[in-house]
Amino acid sequence: MGTFGRSFLCLCLCACLVFGAGFLLFCYHILHLESPHLPGPQAGIVVLTGGPQRLETGLTLLKNHQGLRLLVSGVHKDVRRPQILPNPSLPVDLGYSAQNTIENAREAKDWASQHHFGALILVTSKYHLPRARLEFAQRLGEIAIYPYPAQPPTGKEEPFLLPLAWKEYTKYTLALVRAGARFIAINLGLT
């Protein structure tokens, strides 16, 4: 193997080590997530669909007066209020336009602007929270984001699922690359 081959192999090995170390840090972070100090009752609550206990956690926050209003973002077009809400009189809005996390952030930004919220409590799974927070931070401007992991039922611990952690870490890494490229493009005046 020539010098180029050894250098390339070394570069690939270093990249794998960095990616692997990042994955370990990601796993540590999601295993030690705690519910943050919340901004108070003047905030909006945004629940991202796609996982168990997310809506229940958001509704509990709303019922405990941690926010004024709740948006369920990414609702399937065939789902209606009575199907998912135990009490239809709650101040809950269903967002039907989002198909992914970036679109969730856009939908939440429009909703927050419409209701004049300066802070949002972002509810999603602990696996999804780092990437969701990153995507929301890039798109919500001055609106403060308070990430809040969906809580498992009382007395139960959410299991740690390595394949799910790996999938979310990979998506998070791609989101970081996209955020870095966007930052560079903005600072170079390319957008």
C-alpha atoms as a PDB file:
ATOM      1  CA  MET A   1       0.000   0.000   0.000  1.00  0.00           C
ATOM      2  CA  GLY A   2       1.343   3.388  -0.975  1.00  0.00           C
ATOM      3  CA  THR A   3       1.520   6.591   1.034  1.00  0.00           C
ATOM      4  CA  PHE A   4      -1.837   7.762  -0.324  1.00  0.00           C
ATOM      5  CA  GLY A   5      -3.491   4.484   0.621  1.00  0.00           C
ATOM      6  CA  ARG A   6      -2.125   4.570   4.180  1.00  0.00           C
ATOM      7  CA  SER A   7      -3.126   8.206   4.581  1.00  0.00           C
ATOM      8  CA  PHE A   8      -6.621   7.501   3.309  1.00  0.00           C
ATOM      9  CA  LEU A   9      -6.962   4.470   5.602  1.00  0.00           C
ATOM     10  CA  CYS A  10      -5.766   6.538   8.566  1.00  0.00           C
ATOM     11  CA  LEU A  11      -8.226   9.311   7.711  1.00  0.00           C
ATOM     12  CA  CYS A  12     -11.102   6.800   7.475  1.00  0.00           C
ATOM     13  CA  LEU A  13     -10.108   5.224  10.787  1.00  0.00           C
ATOM     14  CA  CYS A  14      -9.944   8.629  12.489  1.00  0.00           C
ATOM     15  CA  ALA A  15     -13.351   9.575  11.056  1.00  0.00           C
ATOM     16  CA  CYS A  16     -14.829   6.308  12.388  1.00  0.00           C
ATOM     17  CA  LEU A  17     -13.311   6.927  15.816  1.00  0.00           C
ATOM     18  CA  VAL A  18     -14.694  10.470  15.952  1.00  0.00           C
ATOM     19  CA  PHE A  19     -18.127   9.287  14.781  1.00  0.00           C
ATOM     20  CA  GLY A  20     -18.077   6.463  17.337  1.00  0.00           C
ATOM     21  CA  ALA A  21     -17.015   8.773  20.170  1.00  0.00           C
ATOM     22  CA  GLY A  22     -19.776  11.181  19.149  1.00  0.00           C
ATOM     23  CA  PHE A  23     -22.287   8.331  19.303  1.00  0.00           C
ATOM     24  CA  LEU A  24     -21.180   7.435  22.826  1.00  0.00           C
ATOM     25  CA  LEU A  25     -21.586  11.075  23.906  1.00  0.00           C
ATOM     26  CA  PHE A  26     -25.003  11.205  22.222  1.00  0.00           C
ATOM     27  CA  CYS A  27     -26.113   8.059  24.087  1.00  0.00           C
ATOM     28  CA  TYR A  28     -24.833   9.435  27.383  1.00  0.00           C
ATOM     29  CA  HIS A  29     -26.695  12.691  26.757  1.00  0.00           C
ATOM     30  CA  ILE A  30     -30.058  11.072  25.977  1.00  0.00           C
ATOM     31  CA  LEU A  31     -29.759   8.661  28.891  1.00  0.00           C
ATOM     32  CA  HIS A  32     -29.216  11.566  31.285  1.00  0.00           C
ATOM     33  CA  LEU A  33     -31.796  14.017  29.935  1.00  0.00           C
ATOM     34  CA  GLU A  34     -33.816  15.679  32.626  1.00  0.00           C
ATOM     35  CA  SER A  35     -36.868  17.845  32.410  1.00  0.00           C
ATOM     36  CA  PRO A  36     -35.658  21.450  32.226  1.00  0.00           C
ATOM     37  CA  HIS A  37     -36.716  24.468  34.212  1.00  0.00           C
ATOM     38  CA  LEU A  38     -39.767  25.656  32.283  1.00  0.00           C
ATOM     39  CA  PRO A  39     -40.375  29.261  31.182  1.00  0.00           C
ATOM     40  CA  GLY A  40     -43.706  29.676  32.950  1.00  0.00           C
ATOM     41  CA  PRO A  41     -47.328  29.671  31.938  1.00  0.00           C
ATOM     42  CA  GLN A  42     -46.946  32.250  29.153  1.00  0.00           C
ATOM     43  CA  ALA A  43     -45.235  29.747  26.836  1.00  0.00           C
ATOM     44  CA  GLY A  44     -46.676  27.635  24.069  1.00  0.00           C
ATOM     45  CA  ILE A  45     -46.295  23.865  24.064  1.00  0.00           C
ATOM     46  CA  VAL A  46     -45.383  22.026  20.850  1.00  0.00           C
ATOM     47  CA  VAL A  47     -45.750  18.250  20.663  1.00  0.00           C
ATOM     48  CA  LEU A  48     -44.159  16.443  17.721  1.00  0.00           C
ATOM     49  CA  THR A  49     -46.081  13.381  16.591  1.00  0.00           C
ATOM     50  CA  GLY A  50     -44.401  10.052  16.012  1.00  0.00           C
ATOM     51  CA  GLY A  51     -43.837   8.437  19.357  1.00  0.00           C
ATOM     52  CA  PRO A  52     -45.581   7.140  22.439  1.00  0.00           C
ATOM     53  CA  GLN A  53     -46.275   9.402  25.406  1.00  0.00           C
ATOM     54  CA  ARG A  54     -45.565  12.634  23.543  1.00  0.00           C
ATOM     55  CA  LEU A  55     -49.159  13.851  23.445  1.00  0.00           C
ATOM     56  CA  GLU A  56     -49.819  12.682  27.007  1.00  0.00           C
ATOM     57  CA  THR A  57     -46.758  14.593  28.233  1.00  0.00           C
ATOM     58  CA  GLY A  58     -47.841  17.742  26.390  1.00  0.00           C
ATOM     59  CA  LEU A  59     -51.387  17.515  27.742  1.00  0.00           C
ATOM     60  CA  THR A  60     -50.040  17.040  31.276  1.00  0.00           C
ATOM     61  CA  LEU A  61     -47.928  20.197  30.892  1.00  0.00           C
ATOM     62  CA  LEU A  62     -50.988  22.082  29.620  1.00  0.00           C
ATOM     63  CA  LYS A  63     -53.208  20.795  32.456  1.00  0.00           C
ATOM     64  CA  ASN A  64     -50.507  21.774  34.976  1.00  0.00           C
ATOM     65  CA  HIS A  65     -50.551  25.344  33.590  1.00  0.00           C
ATOM     66  CA  GLN A  66     -47.023  25.171  32.156  1.00  0.00           C
ATOM     67  CA  GLY A  67     -48.256  26.716  28.906  1.00  0.00           C
ATOM     68  CA  LEU A  68     -51.237  28.616  27.519  1.00  0.00           C
ATOM     69  CA  ARG A  69     -51.868  26.576  24.401  1.00  0.00           C
ATOM     70  CA  LEU A  70     -50.636  23.387  22.743  1.00  0.00           C
ATOM     71  CA  LEU A  71     -49.813  22.585  19.115  1.00  0.00           C
ATOM     72  CA  VAL A  72     -49.684  18.968  17.974  1.00  0.00           C
ATOM     73  CA  SER A  73     -47.448  19.217  14.910  1.00  0.00           C
ATOM     74  CA  GLY A  74     -47.357  16.632  12.146  1.00  0.00           C
ATOM     75  CA  VAL A  75     -50.848  15.207  12.567  1.00  0.00           C
ATOM     76  CA  HIS A  76     -51.984  12.817   9.816  1.00  0.00           C
ATOM     77  CA  LYS A  77     -54.586  14.386   7.524  1.00  0.00           C
ATOM     78  CA  ASP A  78     -57.243  11.809   8.460  1.00  0.00           C
ATOM     79  CA  VAL A  79     -56.974  12.333  12.235  1.00  0.00           C
ATOM     80  CA  ARG A  80     -59.574  14.558  13.933  1.00  0.00           C
ATOM     81  CA  ARG A  81     -59.696  16.139  17.409  1.00  0.00           C
ATOM     82  CA  PRO A  82     -62.053  13.637  19.070  1.00  0.00           C
ATOM     83  CA  GLN A  83     -59.770  10.774  18.052  1.00  0.00           C
ATOM     84  CA  ILE A  84     -56.760  12.044  20.005  1.00  0.00           C
ATOM     85  CA  LEU A  85     -58.032  14.532  22.586  1.00  0.00           C
ATOM     86  CA  PRO A  86     -59.798  13.343  25.736  1.00  0.00           C
ATOM     87  CA  ASN A  87     -61.289  16.803  26.281  1.00  0.00           C
ATOM     88  CA  PRO A  88     -62.124  18.687  23.070  1.00  0.00           C
ATOM     89  CA  SER A  89     -62.457  21.998  24.935  1.00  0.00           C
ATOM     90  CA  LEU A  90     -58.725  22.172  25.745  1.00  0.00           C
ATOM     91  CA  PRO A  91     -56.752  24.939  23.953  1.00  0.00           C
ATOM     92  CA  VAL A  92     -55.108  22.518  21.518  1.00  0.00           C
ATOM     93  CA  ASP A  93     -54.403  23.112  17.845  1.00  0.00           C
ATOM     94  CA  LEU A  94     -53.704  20.325  15.366  1.00  0.00           C
ATOM     95  CA  GLY A  95     -51.063  21.019  12.740  1.00  0.00           C
ATOM     96  CA  TYR A  96     -51.460  19.007   9.544  1.00  0.00           C
ATOM     97  CA  SER A  97     -48.775  20.489   7.305  1.00  0.00           C
ATOM     98  CA  ALA A  98     -45.546  19.006   8.747  1.00  0.00           C
ATOM     99  CA  GLN A  99     -44.108  15.763   7.366  1.00  0.00           C
ATOM    100  CA  ASN A 100     -40.671  15.917   9.066  1.00  0.00           C
ATOM    101  CA  THR A 101     -38.764  17.728  11.807  1.00  0.00           C
ATOM    102  CA  ILE A 102     -37.814  20.717   9.650  1.00  0.00           C
ATOM    103  CA  GLU A 103     -41.457  21.196   8.659  1.00  0.00           C
ATOM    104  CA  ASN A 104     -42.452  20.772  12.348  1.00  0.00           C
ATOM    105  CA  ALA A 105     -40.183  23.722  13.137  1.00  0.00           C
ATOM    106  CA  ARG A 106     -41.726  25.859  10.379  1.00  0.00           C
ATOM    107  CA  GLU A 107     -45.244  24.954  11.475  1.00  0.00           C
ATOM    108  CA  ALA A 108     -44.372  25.758  15.101  1.00  0.00           C
ATOM    109  CA  LYS A 109     -42.831  29.105  14.114  1.00  0.00           C
ATOM    110  CA  ASP A 110     -45.998  30.163  12.269  1.00  0.00           C
ATOM    111  CA  TRP A 111     -48.163  28.994  15.175  1.00  0.00           C
ATOM    112  CA  ALA A 112     -45.982  30.770  17.765  1.00  0.00           C
ATOM    113  CA  SER A 113     -46.092  33.993  15.727  1.00  0.00           C
ATOM    114  CA  GLN A 114     -49.867  33.757  15.373  1.00  0.00           C
ATOM    115  CA  HIS A 115     -50.275  33.385  19.162  1.00  0.00           C
ATOM    116  CA  HIS A 116     -47.422  35.786  20.086  1.00  0.00           C
ATOM    117  CA  PHE A 117     -45.376  33.231  22.034  1.00  0.00           C
ATOM    118  CA  GLY A 118     -41.823  34.216  22.909  1.00  0.00           C
ATOM    119  CA  ALA A 119     -41.053  30.765  24.307  1.00  0.00           C
ATOM    120  CA  LEU A 120     -41.985  27.218  23.351  1.00  0.00           C
ATOM    121  CA  ILE A 121     -41.779  23.979  25.294  1.00  0.00           C
ATOM    122  CA  LEU A 122     -40.742  21.346  22.747  1.00  0.00           C
ATOM    123  CA  VAL A 123     -42.029  17.850  23.585  1.00  0.00           C
ATOM    124  CA  THR A 124     -40.690  14.811  21.773  1.00  0.00           C
ATOM    125  CA  SER A 125     -38.862  11.586  22.610  1.00  0.00           C
ATOM    126  CA  LYS A 126     -35.484  11.760  24.316  1.00  0.00           C
ATOM    127  CA  TYR A 127     -33.917  10.196  21.207  1.00  0.00           C
ATOM    128  CA  HIS A 128     -35.381  12.853  18.924  1.00  0.00           C
ATOM    129  CA  LEU A 129     -34.866  15.842  21.219  1.00  0.00           C
ATOM    130  CA  PRO A 130     -31.266  16.816  20.255  1.00  0.00           C
ATOM    131  CA  ARG A 131     -32.069  16.933  16.528  1.00  0.00           C
ATOM    132  CA  ALA A 132     -35.467  18.565  17.040  1.00  0.00           C
ATOM    133  CA  ARG A 133     -33.893  21.251  19.216  1.00  0.00           C
ATOM    134  CA  LEU A 134     -31.226  21.914  16.575  1.00  0.00           C
ATOM    135  CA  GLU A 135     -33.781  22.185  13.740  1.00  0.00           C
ATOM    136  CA  PHE A 136     -36.058  24.434  15.818  1.00  0.00           C
ATOM    137  CA  ALA A 137     -33.185  26.682  16.927  1.00  0.00           C
ATOM    138  CA  GLN A 138     -32.240  27.308  13.293  1.00  0.00           C
ATOM    139  CA  ARG A 139     -35.755  28.243  12.256  1.00  0.00           C
ATOM    140  CA  LEU A 140     -37.426  29.957  15.212  1.00  0.00           C
ATOM    141  CA  GLY A 141     -35.200  33.010  15.470  1.00  0.00           C
ATOM    142  CA  GLU A 142     -35.748  34.836  18.759  1.00  0.00           C
ATOM    143  CA  ILE A 143     -38.281  32.355  20.147  1.00  0.00           C
ATOM    144  CA  ALA A 144     -36.779  30.537  23.156  1.00  0.00           C
ATOM    145  CA  ILE A 145     -36.931  26.739  23.045  1.00  0.00           C
ATOM    146  CA  TYR A 146     -37.271  24.575  26.151  1.00  0.00           C
ATOM    147  CA  PRO A 147     -36.757  20.933  25.189  1.00  0.00           C
ATOM    148  CA  TYR A 148     -38.851  18.536  27.259  1.00  0.00           C
ATOM    149  CA  PRO A 149     -38.541  14.751  26.879  1.00  0.00           C
ATOM    150  CA  ALA A 150     -41.769  12.765  26.668  1.00  0.00           C
ATOM    151  CA  GLN A 151     -42.325  11.014  29.961  1.00  0.00           C
ATOM    152  CA  PRO A 152     -43.023   7.274  30.204  1.00  0.00           C
ATOM    153  CA  PRO A 153     -46.063   6.193  32.227  1.00  0.00           C
ATOM    154  CA  THR A 154     -45.614   6.561  35.987  1.00  0.00           C
ATOM    155  CA  GLY A 155     -43.542   3.765  37.449  1.00  0.00           C
ATOM    156  CA  LYS A 156     -42.115   2.670  34.105  1.00  0.00           C
ATOM    157  CA  GLU A 157     -38.706   3.426  32.642  1.00  0.00           C
ATOM    158  CA  GLU A 158     -38.372   3.933  28.897  1.00  0.00           C
ATOM    159  CA  PRO A 159     -36.049   1.226  27.550  1.00  0.00           C
ATOM    160  CA  PHE A 160     -32.819   2.233  25.835  1.00  0.00           C
ATOM    161  CA  LEU A 161     -32.917   1.052  22.236  1.00  0.00           C
ATOM    162  CA  LEU A 162     -29.518   1.015  20.565  1.00  0.00           C
ATOM    163  CA  PRO A 163     -30.805   0.833  16.942  1.00  0.00           C
ATOM    164  CA  LEU A 164     -33.100   3.818  17.545  1.00  0.00           C
ATOM    165  CA  ALA A 165     -30.263   5.756  19.179  1.00  0.00           C
ATOM    166  CA  TRP A 166     -27.993   4.966  16.200  1.00  0.00           C
ATOM    167  CA  LYS A 167     -30.635   6.087  13.693  1.00  0.00           C
ATOM    168  CA  GLU A 168     -31.275   9.362  15.540  1.00  0.00           C
ATOM    169  CA  TYR A 169     -27.548   9.994  16.003  1.00  0.00           C
ATOM    170  CA  THR A 170     -26.991   9.593  12.275  1.00  0.00           C
ATOM    171  CA  LYS A 171     -29.836  12.021  11.520  1.00  0.00           C
ATOM    172  CA  TYR A 172     -28.510  14.417  14.157  1.00  0.00           C
ATOM    173  CA  THR A 173     -25.031  14.319  12.607  1.00  0.00           C
ATOM    174  CA  LEU A 174     -26.492  15.105   9.174  1.00  0.00           C
ATOM    175  CA  ALA A 175     -28.495  17.963  10.723  1.00  0.00           C
ATOM    176  CA  LEU A 176     -25.273  19.319  12.272  1.00  0.00           C
ATOM    177  CA  VAL A 177     -23.549  19.188   8.878  1.00  0.00           C
ATOM    178  CA  ARG A 178     -26.521  20.943   7.274  1.00  0.00           C
ATOM    179  CA  ALA A 179     -26.505  23.587  10.045  1.00  0.00           C
ATOM    180  CA  GLY A 180     -22.766  24.128   9.585  1.00  0.00           C
ATOM    181  CA  ALA A 181     -23.132  24.505   5.825  1.00  0.00           C
ATOM    182  CA  ARG A 182     -26.008  26.935   6.325  1.00  0.00           C
ATOM    183  CA  PHE A 183     -23.964  28.967   8.815  1.00  0.00           C
ATOM    184  CA  ILE A 184     -21.021  29.158   6.407  1.00  0.00           C
ATOM    185  CA  ALA A 185     -23.251  30.101   3.479  1.00  0.00           C
ATOM    186  CA  ILE A 186     -24.921  32.871   5.486  1.00  0.00           C
ATOM    187  CA  ASN A 187     -21.592  34.275   6.708  1.00  0.00           C
ATOM    188  CA  LEU A 188     -20.129  34.207   3.207  1.00  0.00           C
ATOM    189  CA  GLY A 189     -23.195  35.991   1.853  1.00  0.00           C
ATOM    190  CA  LEU A 190     -24.168  33.075  -0.387  1.00  0.00           C
ATOM    191  CA  THR A 191     -27.828  33.082   0.660  1.00  0.00           C
END
